[in-house]
Amino acid sequence: MPIPFFSFREKRGKCLCSMVITGVVMTIDDSYVHTFQKHCDQFSDLCKSGFTVGEYVTVSTDNRLAVATGTVCDITKSTLTLSLKRSVLIQVSLYLQQIVCSSYACVAR
């Protein structure tokens, strides 16, 4: 069950709740490439989720905020692929948690 704050952000297109890792986590250079899909069919098309390729993202779990950061590599109708600075596979499997992917707009000053 997503935290209410994340549910609010998901409705605004700022995060995706209830994500799960699919396939194998690949290591490329110093990055970990993860592919996620929705645990439930709330979004029929992740391409319309508000995320864009190259966007900076933060990955959290139900109980831990910001377990990894990185960028969006690819978006398809059913999957979101991220290149992260660390693997979240251990965090998720240790606690059997679902994942929240959040985007944040960067403001230049």
PDB file of N, CA and C in Angstrom:
ATOM      1  N   MET A   1       0.841  -1.185   0.000  1.00  0.00           N
ATOM      2  CA  MET A   1       0.000   0.000   0.000  1.00  0.00           C
ATOM      3  C   MET A   1       0.882   1.243   0.000  1.00  0.00           C
ATOM      4  N   PRO A   2       0.764   2.109  -1.000  1.00  0.00           N
ATOM      5  CA  PRO A   2       1.621   3.285  -1.061  1.00  0.00           C
ATOM      6  C   PRO A   2       1.333   4.279   0.063  1.00  0.00           C
ATOM      7  N   ILE A   3       2.368   4.968   0.488  1.00  0.00           N
ATOM      8  CA  ILE A   3       2.234   6.011   1.487  1.00  0.00           C
ATOM      9  C   ILE A   3       1.410   7.136   0.869  1.00  0.00           C
ATOM     10  N   PRO A   4       0.460   7.768   1.629  1.00  0.00           N
ATOM     11  CA  PRO A   4      -0.401   8.807   1.056  1.00  0.00           C
ATOM     12  C   PRO A   4       0.356   9.915   0.334  1.00  0.00           C
ATOM     13  N   PHE A   5       1.504  10.335   0.857  1.00  0.00           N
ATOM     14  CA  PHE A   5       2.299  11.376   0.198  1.00  0.00           C
ATOM     15  C   PHE A   5       2.696  10.949  -1.209  1.00  0.00           C
ATOM     16  N   PHE A   6       3.134   9.690  -1.353  1.00  0.00           N
ATOM     17  CA  PHE A   6       3.527   9.193  -2.663  1.00  0.00           C
ATOM     18  C   PHE A   6       2.323   9.067  -3.580  1.00  0.00           C
ATOM     19  N   SER A   7       1.186   8.650  -3.054  1.00  0.00           N
ATOM     20  CA  SER A   7      -0.030   8.544  -3.871  1.00  0.00           C
ATOM     21  C   SER A   7      -0.417   9.906  -4.424  1.00  0.00           C
ATOM     22  N   PHE A   8      -0.301  10.940  -3.608  1.00  0.00           N
ATOM     23  CA  PHE A   8      -0.581  12.311  -4.049  1.00  0.00           C
ATOM     24  C   PHE A   8       0.369  12.712  -5.169  1.00  0.00           C
ATOM     25  N   ARG A   9       1.655  12.409  -5.006  1.00  0.00           N
ATOM     26  CA  ARG A   9       2.649  12.756  -6.026  1.00  0.00           C
ATOM     27  C   ARG A   9       2.427  11.954  -7.303  1.00  0.00           C
ATOM     28  N   GLU A  10       1.982  10.699  -7.175  1.00  0.00           N
ATOM     29  CA  GLU A  10       1.729   9.886  -8.355  1.00  0.00           C
ATOM     30  C   GLU A  10       0.584  10.478  -9.183  1.00  0.00           C
ATOM     31  N   LYS A  11      -0.454  10.948  -8.528  1.00  0.00           N
ATOM     32  CA  LYS A  11      -1.580  11.573  -9.227  1.00  0.00           C
ATOM     33  C   LYS A  11      -1.144  12.815  -9.987  1.00  0.00           C
ATOM     34  N   ARG A  12      -0.105  13.494  -9.507  1.00  0.00           N
ATOM     35  CA  ARG A  12       0.406  14.700 -10.159  1.00  0.00           C
ATOM     36  C   ARG A  12       1.477  14.387 -11.210  1.00  0.00           C
ATOM     37  N   GLY A  13       1.815  13.092 -11.399  1.00  0.00           N
ATOM     38  CA  GLY A  13       2.814  12.713 -12.393  1.00  0.00           C
ATOM     39  C   GLY A  13       4.242  12.873 -11.919  1.00  0.00           C
ATOM     40  N   LYS A  14       4.454  12.921 -10.604  1.00  0.00           N
ATOM     41  CA  LYS A  14       5.785  13.132 -10.040  1.00  0.00           C
ATOM     42  C   LYS A  14       6.424  11.865  -9.488  1.00  0.00           C
ATOM     43  N   CYS A  15       5.665  10.777  -9.384  1.00  0.00           N
ATOM     44  CA  CYS A  15       6.252   9.514  -8.951  1.00  0.00           C
ATOM     45  C   CYS A  15       5.391   8.353  -9.417  1.00  0.00           C
ATOM     46  N   LEU A  16       5.965   7.165  -9.361  1.00  0.00           N
ATOM     47  CA  LEU A  16       5.262   5.928  -9.688  1.00  0.00           C
ATOM     48  C   LEU A  16       5.359   5.019  -8.467  1.00  0.00           C
ATOM     49  N   CYS A  17       4.233   4.687  -7.887  1.00  0.00           N
ATOM     50  CA  CYS A  17       4.188   3.825  -6.702  1.00  0.00           C
ATOM     51  C   CYS A  17       4.000   2.369  -7.106  1.00  0.00           C
ATOM     52  N   SER A  18       4.262   1.486  -6.170  1.00  0.00           N
ATOM     53  CA  SER A  18       4.025   0.048  -6.347  1.00  0.00           C
ATOM     54  C   SER A  18       4.750  -0.522  -7.559  1.00  0.00           C
ATOM     55  N   MET A  19       6.015  -0.157  -7.698  1.00  0.00           N
ATOM     56  CA  MET A  19       6.840  -0.683  -8.787  1.00  0.00           C
ATOM     57  C   MET A  19       7.592  -1.917  -8.289  1.00  0.00           C
ATOM     58  N   VAL A  20       7.851  -2.855  -9.196  1.00  0.00           N
ATOM     59  CA  VAL A  20       8.632  -4.045  -8.866  1.00  0.00           C
ATOM     60  C   VAL A  20       9.711  -4.230  -9.927  1.00  0.00           C
ATOM     61  N   ILE A  21      10.832  -4.824  -9.526  1.00  0.00           N
ATOM     62  CA  ILE A  21      11.935  -5.083 -10.458  1.00  0.00           C
ATOM     63  C   ILE A  21      11.582  -6.288 -11.314  1.00  0.00           C
ATOM     64  N   THR A  22      11.814  -6.153 -12.612  1.00  0.00           N
ATOM     65  CA  THR A  22      11.611  -7.280 -13.528  1.00  0.00           C
ATOM     66  C   THR A  22      12.941  -7.614 -14.184  1.00  0.00           C
ATOM     67  N   GLY A  23      13.158  -8.851 -14.480  1.00  0.00           N
ATOM     68  CA  GLY A  23      14.379  -9.251 -15.158  1.00  0.00           C
ATOM     69  C   GLY A  23      15.608  -9.167 -14.272  1.00  0.00           C
ATOM     70  N   VAL A  24      16.752  -9.107 -14.934  1.00  0.00           N
ATOM     71  CA  VAL A  24      18.054  -9.115 -14.266  1.00  0.00           C
ATOM     72  C   VAL A  24      18.583  -7.691 -14.155  1.00  0.00           C
ATOM     73  N   VAL A  25      19.176  -7.359 -13.015  1.00  0.00           N
ATOM     74  CA  VAL A  25      19.837  -6.068 -12.851  1.00  0.00           C
ATOM     75  C   VAL A  25      21.197  -6.169 -13.524  1.00  0.00           C
ATOM     76  N   MET A  26      21.460  -5.285 -14.496  1.00  0.00           N
ATOM     77  CA  MET A  26      22.726  -5.303 -15.230  1.00  0.00           C
ATOM     78  C   MET A  26      23.664  -4.251 -14.674  1.00  0.00           C
ATOM     79  N   THR A  27      24.953  -4.575 -14.647  1.00  0.00           N
ATOM     80  CA  THR A  27      25.977  -3.621 -14.254  1.00  0.00           C
ATOM     81  C   THR A  27      26.672  -3.127 -15.510  1.00  0.00           C
ATOM     82  N   ILE A  28      26.618  -1.812 -15.733  1.00  0.00           N
ATOM     83  CA  ILE A  28      27.284  -1.195 -16.883  1.00  0.00           C
ATOM     84  C   ILE A  28      28.139  -0.060 -16.341  1.00  0.00           C
ATOM     85  N   ASP A  29      29.462  -0.202 -16.504  1.00  0.00           N
ATOM     86  CA  ASP A  29      30.420   0.743 -15.917  1.00  0.00           C
ATOM     87  C   ASP A  29      30.160   0.826 -14.417  1.00  0.00           C
ATOM     88  N   ASP A  30      29.857   2.022 -13.912  1.00  0.00           N
ATOM     89  CA  ASP A  30      29.609   2.205 -12.480  1.00  0.00           C
ATOM     90  C   ASP A  30      28.120   2.337 -12.165  1.00  0.00           C
ATOM     91  N   SER A  31      27.268   1.877 -13.067  1.00  0.00           N
ATOM     92  CA  SER A  31      25.827   2.011 -12.881  1.00  0.00           C
ATOM     93  C   SER A  31      25.139   0.654 -12.853  1.00  0.00           C
ATOM     94  N   TYR A  32      23.988   0.640 -12.236  1.00  0.00           N
ATOM     95  CA  TYR A  32      23.151  -0.560 -12.165  1.00  0.00           C
ATOM     96  C   TYR A  32      21.862  -0.268 -12.912  1.00  0.00           C
ATOM     97  N   VAL A  33      21.613  -1.021 -13.977  1.00  0.00           N
ATOM     98  CA  VAL A  33      20.434  -0.795 -14.811  1.00  0.00           C
ATOM     99  C   VAL A  33      19.324  -1.728 -14.342  1.00  0.00           C
ATOM    100  N   HIS A  34      18.236  -1.109 -13.875  1.00  0.00           N
ATOM    101  CA  HIS A  34      17.071  -1.826 -13.354  1.00  0.00           C
ATOM    102  C   HIS A  34      15.888  -1.569 -14.279  1.00  0.00           C
ATOM    103  N   THR A  35      15.078  -2.589 -14.495  1.00  0.00           N
ATOM    104  CA  THR A  35      13.826  -2.410 -15.217  1.00  0.00           C
ATOM    105  C   THR A  35      12.691  -2.689 -14.240  1.00  0.00           C
ATOM    106  N   PHE A  36      11.742  -1.755 -14.190  1.00  0.00           N
ATOM    107  CA  PHE A  36      10.614  -1.835 -13.275  1.00  0.00           C
ATOM    108  C   PHE A  36       9.309  -1.898 -14.050  1.00  0.00           C
ATOM    109  N   GLN A  37       8.307  -2.484 -13.413  1.00  0.00           N
ATOM    110  CA  GLN A  37       6.957  -2.412 -13.942  1.00  0.00           C
ATOM    111  C   GLN A  37       6.008  -2.211 -12.771  1.00  0.00           C
ATOM    112  N   LYS A  38       4.798  -1.759 -13.063  1.00  0.00           N
ATOM    113  CA  LYS A  38       3.812  -1.551 -12.010  1.00  0.00           C
ATOM    114  C   LYS A  38       3.391  -2.894 -11.433  1.00  0.00           C
ATOM    115  N   HIS A  39       3.255  -2.952 -10.112  1.00  0.00           N
ATOM    116  CA  HIS A  39       2.789  -4.163  -9.441  1.00  0.00           C
ATOM    117  C   HIS A  39       1.305  -4.397  -9.750  1.00  0.00           C
ATOM    118  N   CYS A  40       0.589  -3.310  -9.946  1.00  0.00           N
ATOM    119  CA  CYS A  40      -0.819  -3.390 -10.318  1.00  0.00           C
ATOM    120  C   CYS A  40      -0.992  -2.633 -11.633  1.00  0.00           C
ATOM    121  N   ASP A  41      -2.128  -2.740 -12.250  1.00  0.00           N
ATOM    122  CA  ASP A  41      -2.348  -2.114 -13.565  1.00  0.00           C
ATOM    123  C   ASP A  41      -2.960  -0.725 -13.467  1.00  0.00           C
ATOM    124  N   GLN A  42      -2.468   0.096 -12.535  1.00  0.00           N
ATOM    125  CA  GLN A  42      -3.023   1.428 -12.359  1.00  0.00           C
ATOM    126  C   GLN A  42      -2.773   2.303 -13.587  1.00  0.00           C
ATOM    127  N   PHE A  43      -1.574   2.239 -14.154  1.00  0.00           N
ATOM    128  CA  PHE A  43      -1.280   2.967 -15.382  1.00  0.00           C
ATOM    129  C   PHE A  43      -1.368   1.987 -16.539  1.00  0.00           C
ATOM    130  N   SER A  44      -2.145   2.326 -17.536  1.00  0.00           N
ATOM    131  CA  SER A  44      -2.214   1.440 -18.694  1.00  0.00           C
ATOM    132  C   SER A  44      -1.035   1.707 -19.622  1.00  0.00           C
ATOM    133  N   ASP A  45      -0.390   2.881 -19.503  1.00  0.00           N
ATOM    134  CA  ASP A  45       0.725   3.232 -20.370  1.00  0.00           C
ATOM    135  C   ASP A  45       1.722   4.096 -19.599  1.00  0.00           C
ATOM    136  N   LEU A  46       2.881   3.517 -19.239  1.00  0.00           N
ATOM    137  CA  LEU A  46       3.890   4.279 -18.492  1.00  0.00           C
ATOM    138  C   LEU A  46       4.471   5.428 -19.306  1.00  0.00           C
ATOM    139  N   CYS A  47       4.343   5.381 -20.637  1.00  0.00           N
ATOM    140  CA  CYS A  47       4.804   6.498 -21.470  1.00  0.00           C
ATOM    141  C   CYS A  47       4.035   7.779 -21.151  1.00  0.00           C
ATOM    142  N   LYS A  48       2.850   7.638 -20.585  1.00  0.00           N
ATOM    143  CA  LYS A  48       2.012   8.785 -20.223  1.00  0.00           C
ATOM    144  C   LYS A  48       2.110   9.117 -18.741  1.00  0.00           C
ATOM    145  N   SER A  49       3.106   8.572 -18.061  1.00  0.00           N
ATOM    146  CA  SER A  49       3.238   8.729 -16.608  1.00  0.00           C
ATOM    147  C   SER A  49       3.794  10.081 -16.185  1.00  0.00           C
ATOM    148  N   GLY A  50       4.408  10.803 -17.099  1.00  0.00           N
ATOM    149  CA  GLY A  50       5.027  12.080 -16.750  1.00  0.00           C
ATOM    150  C   GLY A  50       6.542  12.005 -16.655  1.00  0.00           C
ATOM    151  N   PHE A  51       7.114  10.811 -16.731  1.00  0.00           N
ATOM    152  CA  PHE A  51       8.566  10.634 -16.703  1.00  0.00           C
ATOM    153  C   PHE A  51       9.120  10.768 -18.118  1.00  0.00           C
ATOM    154  N   THR A  52      10.365  11.262 -18.239  1.00  0.00           N
ATOM    155  CA  THR A  52      11.005  11.402 -19.546  1.00  0.00           C
ATOM    156  C   THR A  52      12.411  10.800 -19.504  1.00  0.00           C
ATOM    157  N   VAL A  53      12.877  10.333 -20.642  1.00  0.00           N
ATOM    158  CA  VAL A  53      14.229   9.775 -20.738  1.00  0.00           C
ATOM    159  C   VAL A  53      15.229  10.874 -20.391  1.00  0.00           C
ATOM    160  N   GLY A  54      16.219  10.517 -19.553  1.00  0.00           N
ATOM    161  CA  GLY A  54      17.238  11.463 -19.119  1.00  0.00           C
ATOM    162  C   GLY A  54      16.895  12.183 -17.824  1.00  0.00           C
ATOM    163  N   GLU A  55      15.681  12.023 -17.354  1.00  0.00           N
ATOM    164  CA  GLU A  55      15.238  12.696 -16.134  1.00  0.00           C
ATOM    165  C   GLU A  55      15.907  12.090 -14.894  1.00  0.00           C
ATOM    166  N   TYR A  56      16.262  12.938 -13.946  1.00  0.00           N
ATOM    167  CA  TYR A  56      16.855  12.511 -12.678  1.00  0.00           C
ATOM    168  C   TYR A  56      15.760  11.949 -11.784  1.00  0.00           C
ATOM    169  N   VAL A  57      16.017  10.796 -11.175  1.00  0.00           N
ATOM    170  CA  VAL A  57      15.019  10.157 -10.317  1.00  0.00           C
ATOM    171  C   VAL A  57      15.636   9.703  -8.998  1.00  0.00           C
ATOM    172  N   THR A  58      14.781   9.589  -8.004  1.00  0.00           N
ATOM    173  CA  THR A  58      15.136   9.026  -6.715  1.00  0.00           C
ATOM    174  C   THR A  58      14.272   7.800  -6.495  1.00  0.00           C
ATOM    175  N   VAL A  59      14.886   6.705  -6.045  1.00  0.00           N
ATOM    176  CA  VAL A  59      14.153   5.466  -5.789  1.00  0.00           C
ATOM    177  C   VAL A  59      14.055   5.269  -4.286  1.00  0.00           C
ATOM    178  N   SER A  60      12.841   5.014  -3.813  1.00  0.00           N
ATOM    179  CA  SER A  60      12.587   4.765  -2.393  1.00  0.00           C
ATOM    180  C   SER A  60      11.826   3.450  -2.257  1.00  0.00           C
ATOM    181  N   THR A  61      11.778   2.935  -1.035  1.00  0.00           N
ATOM    182  CA  THR A  61      10.953   1.763  -0.747  1.00  0.00           C
ATOM    183  C   THR A  61       9.848   2.206   0.196  1.00  0.00           C
ATOM    184  N   ASP A  62       8.989   1.276   0.583  1.00  0.00           N
ATOM    185  CA  ASP A  62       7.900   1.601   1.502  1.00  0.00           C
ATOM    186  C   ASP A  62       8.405   2.208   2.805  1.00  0.00           C
ATOM    187  N   ASN A  63       9.580   1.760   3.263  1.00  0.00           N
ATOM    188  CA  ASN A  63      10.086   2.189   4.572  1.00  0.00           C
ATOM    189  C   ASN A  63      11.358   3.020   4.531  1.00  0.00           C
ATOM    190  N   ARG A  64      12.003   3.134   3.372  1.00  0.00           N
ATOM    191  CA  ARG A  64      13.265   3.878   3.291  1.00  0.00           C
ATOM    192  C   ARG A  64      13.235   4.833   2.115  1.00  0.00           C
ATOM    193  N   LEU A  65      13.526   6.086   2.400  1.00  0.00           N
ATOM    194  CA  LEU A  65      13.560   7.100   1.350  1.00  0.00           C
ATOM    195  C   LEU A  65      14.937   7.152   0.704  1.00  0.00           C
ATOM    196  N   ALA A  66      14.962   7.423  -0.585  1.00  0.00           N
ATOM    197  CA  ALA A  66      16.191   7.683  -1.335  1.00  0.00           C
ATOM    198  C   ALA A  66      17.240   6.587  -1.182  1.00  0.00           C
ATOM    199  N   VAL A  67      16.880   5.350  -1.493  1.00  0.00           N
ATOM    200  CA  VAL A  67      17.857   4.265  -1.424  1.00  0.00           C
ATOM    201  C   VAL A  67      18.800   4.292  -2.623  1.00  0.00           C
ATOM    202  N   ALA A  68      18.399   4.979  -3.705  1.00  0.00           N
ATOM    203  CA  ALA A  68      19.263   5.112  -4.883  1.00  0.00           C
ATOM    204  C   ALA A  68      18.784   6.287  -5.728  1.00  0.00           C
ATOM    205  N   THR A  69      19.726   6.828  -6.520  1.00  0.00           N
ATOM    206  CA  THR A  69      19.390   7.895  -7.463  1.00  0.00           C
ATOM    207  C   THR A  69      19.966   7.541  -8.824  1.00  0.00           C
ATOM    208  N   GLY A  70      19.448   8.169  -9.849  1.00  0.00           N
ATOM    209  CA  GLY A  70      19.951   7.934 -11.195  1.00  0.00           C
ATOM    210  C   GLY A  70      19.097   8.626 -12.230  1.00  0.00           C
ATOM    211  N   THR A  71      19.088   8.067 -13.443  1.00  0.00           N
ATOM    212  CA  THR A  71      18.344   8.678 -14.538  1.00  0.00           C
ATOM    213  C   THR A  71      17.486   7.646 -15.259  1.00  0.00           C
ATOM    214  N   VAL A  72      16.471   8.143 -15.932  1.00  0.00           N
ATOM    215  CA  VAL A  72      15.599   7.293 -16.742  1.00  0.00           C
ATOM    216  C   VAL A  72      16.305   6.983 -18.054  1.00  0.00           C
ATOM    217  N   CYS A  73      16.456   5.687 -18.373  1.00  0.00           N
ATOM    218  CA  CYS A  73      17.099   5.248 -19.619  1.00  0.00           C
ATOM    219  C   CYS A  73      16.084   4.978 -20.717  1.00  0.00           C
ATOM    220  N   ASP A  74      14.936   4.412 -20.328  1.00  0.00           N
ATOM    221  CA  ASP A  74      13.951   3.994 -21.326  1.00  0.00           C
ATOM    222  C   ASP A  74      12.586   3.889 -20.667  1.00  0.00           C
ATOM    223  N   ILE A  75      11.563   4.181 -21.443  1.00  0.00           N
ATOM    224  CA  ILE A  75      10.189   4.030 -20.987  1.00  0.00           C
ATOM    225  C   ILE A  75       9.412   3.334 -22.101  1.00  0.00           C
ATOM    226  N   THR A  76       8.708   2.279 -21.731  1.00  0.00           N
ATOM    227  CA  THR A  76       7.793   1.634 -22.669  1.00  0.00           C
ATOM    228  C   THR A  76       6.402   1.686 -22.051  1.00  0.00           C
ATOM    229  N   LYS A  77       5.460   1.127 -22.746  1.00  0.00           N
ATOM    230  CA  LYS A  77       4.090   1.117 -22.235  1.00  0.00           C
ATOM    231  C   LYS A  77       3.999   0.432 -20.875  1.00  0.00           C
ATOM    232  N   SER A  78       4.820  -0.614 -20.665  1.00  0.00           N
ATOM    233  CA  SER A  78       4.700  -1.391 -19.429  1.00  0.00           C
ATOM    234  C   SER A  78       5.928  -1.356 -18.523  1.00  0.00           C
ATOM    235  N   THR A  79       7.057  -0.785 -18.975  1.00  0.00           N
ATOM    236  CA  THR A  79       8.270  -0.798 -18.144  1.00  0.00           C
ATOM    237  C   THR A  79       8.952   0.570 -18.082  1.00  0.00           C
ATOM    238  N   LEU A  80       9.700   0.751 -17.000  1.00  0.00           N
ATOM    239  CA  LEU A  80      10.530   1.940 -16.790  1.00  0.00           C
ATOM    240  C   LEU A  80      11.928   1.436 -16.483  1.00  0.00           C
ATOM    241  N   THR A  81      12.921   1.833 -17.286  1.00  0.00           N
ATOM    242  CA  THR A  81      14.299   1.387 -17.078  1.00  0.00           C
ATOM    243  C   THR A  81      15.121   2.554 -16.552  1.00  0.00           C
ATOM    244  N   LEU A  82      15.821   2.303 -15.436  1.00  0.00           N
ATOM    245  CA  LEU A  82      16.616   3.330 -14.776  1.00  0.00           C
ATOM    246  C   LEU A  82      18.064   2.901 -14.668  1.00  0.00           C
ATOM    247  N   SER A  83      18.976   3.855 -14.820  1.00  0.00           N
ATOM    248  CA  SER A  83      20.391   3.643 -14.547  1.00  0.00           C
ATOM    249  C   SER A  83      20.659   4.282 -13.194  1.00  0.00           C
ATOM    250  N   LEU A  84      20.970   3.447 -12.195  1.00  0.00           N
ATOM    251  CA  LEU A  84      21.108   3.920 -10.822  1.00  0.00           C
ATOM    252  C   LEU A  84      22.548   3.824 -10.327  1.00  0.00           C
ATOM    253  N   LYS A  85      22.885   4.634  -9.358  1.00  0.00           N
ATOM    254  CA  LYS A  85      24.236   4.653  -8.793  1.00  0.00           C
ATOM    255  C   LYS A  85      24.507   3.452  -7.895  1.00  0.00           C
ATOM    256  N   ARG A  86      23.441   2.806  -7.411  1.00  0.00           N
ATOM    257  CA  ARG A  86      23.585   1.583  -6.608  1.00  0.00           C
ATOM    258  C   ARG A  86      22.411   0.671  -6.910  1.00  0.00           C
ATOM    259  N   SER A  87      22.604  -0.601  -6.642  1.00  0.00           N
ATOM    260  CA  SER A  87      21.537  -1.569  -6.867  1.00  0.00           C
ATOM    261  C   SER A  87      20.526  -1.500  -5.731  1.00  0.00           C
ATOM    262  N   VAL A  88      19.254  -1.506  -6.078  1.00  0.00           N
ATOM    263  CA  VAL A  88      18.211  -1.526  -5.053  1.00  0.00           C
ATOM    264  C   VAL A  88      17.693  -2.944  -4.831  1.00  0.00           C
ATOM    265  N   LEU A  89      18.241  -3.897  -5.548  1.00  0.00           N
ATOM    266  CA  LEU A  89      17.782  -5.282  -5.442  1.00  0.00           C
ATOM    267  C   LEU A  89      17.906  -5.812  -4.012  1.00  0.00           C
ATOM    268  N   ILE A  90      19.021  -5.532  -3.346  1.00  0.00           N
ATOM    269  CA  ILE A  90      19.232  -6.011  -1.974  1.00  0.00           C
ATOM    270  C   ILE A  90      18.246  -5.344  -1.028  1.00  0.00           C
ATOM    271  N   GLN A  91      18.038  -4.041  -1.159  1.00  0.00           N
ATOM    272  CA  GLN A  91      17.103  -3.319  -0.300  1.00  0.00           C
ATOM    273  C   GLN A  91      15.700  -3.913  -0.400  1.00  0.00           C
ATOM    274  N   VAL A  92      15.285  -4.206  -1.602  1.00  0.00           N
ATOM    275  CA  VAL A  92      13.933  -4.715  -1.826  1.00  0.00           C
ATOM    276  C   VAL A  92      13.801  -6.148  -1.333  1.00  0.00           C
ATOM    277  N   SER A  93      14.778  -6.996  -1.640  1.00  0.00           N
ATOM    278  CA  SER A  93      14.660  -8.405  -1.259  1.00  0.00           C
ATOM    279  C   SER A  93      14.805  -8.616   0.243  1.00  0.00           C
ATOM    280  N   LEU A  94      15.605  -7.786   0.915  1.00  0.00           N
ATOM    281  CA  LEU A  94      15.756  -7.924   2.365  1.00  0.00           C
ATOM    282  C   LEU A  94      14.458  -7.630   3.103  1.00  0.00           C
ATOM    283  N   TYR A  95      13.723  -6.660   2.599  1.00  0.00           N
ATOM    284  CA  TYR A  95      12.536  -6.209   3.309  1.00  0.00           C
ATOM    285  C   TYR A  95      11.237  -6.520   2.569  1.00  0.00           C
ATOM    286  N   LEU A  96      11.332  -7.182   1.414  1.00  0.00           N
ATOM    287  CA  LEU A  96      10.159  -7.526   0.603  1.00  0.00           C
ATOM    288  C   LEU A  96       9.261  -6.313   0.399  1.00  0.00           C
ATOM    289  N   GLN A  97       9.855  -5.243  -0.076  1.00  0.00           N
ATOM    290  CA  GLN A  97       9.140  -3.991  -0.236  1.00  0.00           C
ATOM    291  C   GLN A  97       8.913  -3.673  -1.708  1.00  0.00           C
ATOM    292  N   GLN A  98       7.910  -2.850  -1.938  1.00  0.00           N
ATOM    293  CA  GLN A  98       7.688  -2.334  -3.273  1.00  0.00           C
ATOM    294  C   GLN A  98       8.426  -1.015  -3.405  1.00  0.00           C
ATOM    295  N   ILE A  99       8.598  -0.566  -4.638  1.00  0.00           N
ATOM    296  CA  ILE A  99       9.467   0.563  -4.938  1.00  0.00           C
ATOM    297  C   ILE A  99       8.654   1.763  -5.397  1.00  0.00           C
ATOM    298  N   VAL A 100       9.152   2.945  -5.033  1.00  0.00           N
ATOM    299  CA  VAL A 100       8.584   4.207  -5.494  1.00  0.00           C
ATOM    300  C   VAL A 100       9.672   4.929  -6.273  1.00  0.00           C
ATOM    301  N   CYS A 101       9.379   5.313  -7.520  1.00  0.00           N
ATOM    302  CA  CYS A 101      10.308   6.078  -8.348  1.00  0.00           C
ATOM    303  C   CYS A 101       9.783   7.513  -8.422  1.00  0.00           C
ATOM    304  N   SER A 102      10.602   8.468  -7.992  1.00  0.00           N
ATOM    305  CA  SER A 102      10.171   9.864  -7.939  1.00  0.00           C
ATOM    306  C   SER A 102      11.043  10.733  -8.822  1.00  0.00           C
ATOM    307  N   SER A 103      10.399  11.709  -9.475  1.00  0.00           N
ATOM    308  CA  SER A 103      11.152  12.686 -10.263  1.00  0.00           C
ATOM    309  C   SER A 103      11.096  14.020  -9.541  1.00  0.00           C
ATOM    310  N   TYR A 104      12.153  14.779  -9.689  1.00  0.00           N
ATOM    311  CA  TYR A 104      12.243  16.089  -9.053  1.00  0.00           C
ATOM    312  C   TYR A 104      12.761  17.087 -10.067  1.00  0.00           C
ATOM    313  N   ALA A 105      12.075  18.200 -10.194  1.00  0.00           N
ATOM    314  CA  ALA A 105      12.521  19.254 -11.098  1.00  0.00           C
ATOM    315  C   ALA A 105      13.698  19.984 -10.458  1.00  0.00           C
ATOM    316  N   CYS A 106      14.753  20.180 -11.224  1.00  0.00           N
ATOM    317  CA  CYS A 106      15.909  20.932 -10.738  1.00  0.00           C
ATOM    318  C   CYS A 106      15.757  22.388 -11.148  1.00  0.00           C
ATOM    319  N   VAL A 107      15.957  23.273 -10.213  1.00  0.00           N
ATOM    320  CA  VAL A 107      15.814  24.703 -10.478  1.00  0.00           C
ATOM    321  C   VAL A 107      17.197  25.330 -10.417  1.00  0.00           C
ATOM    322  N   ALA A 108      17.609  25.991 -11.497  1.00  0.00           N
ATOM    323  CA  ALA A 108      18.901  26.678 -11.511  1.00  0.00           C
ATOM    324  C   ALA A 108      18.747  28.031 -10.841  1.00  0.00           C
ATOM    325  N   ARG A 109      19.747  28.407 -10.051  1.00  0.00           N
ATOM    326  CA  ARG A 109      19.706  29.711  -9.361  1.00  0.00           C
ATOM    327  C   ARG A 109      20.782  30.597  -9.898  1.00  0.00           C
TER     328      ARG A 109
END
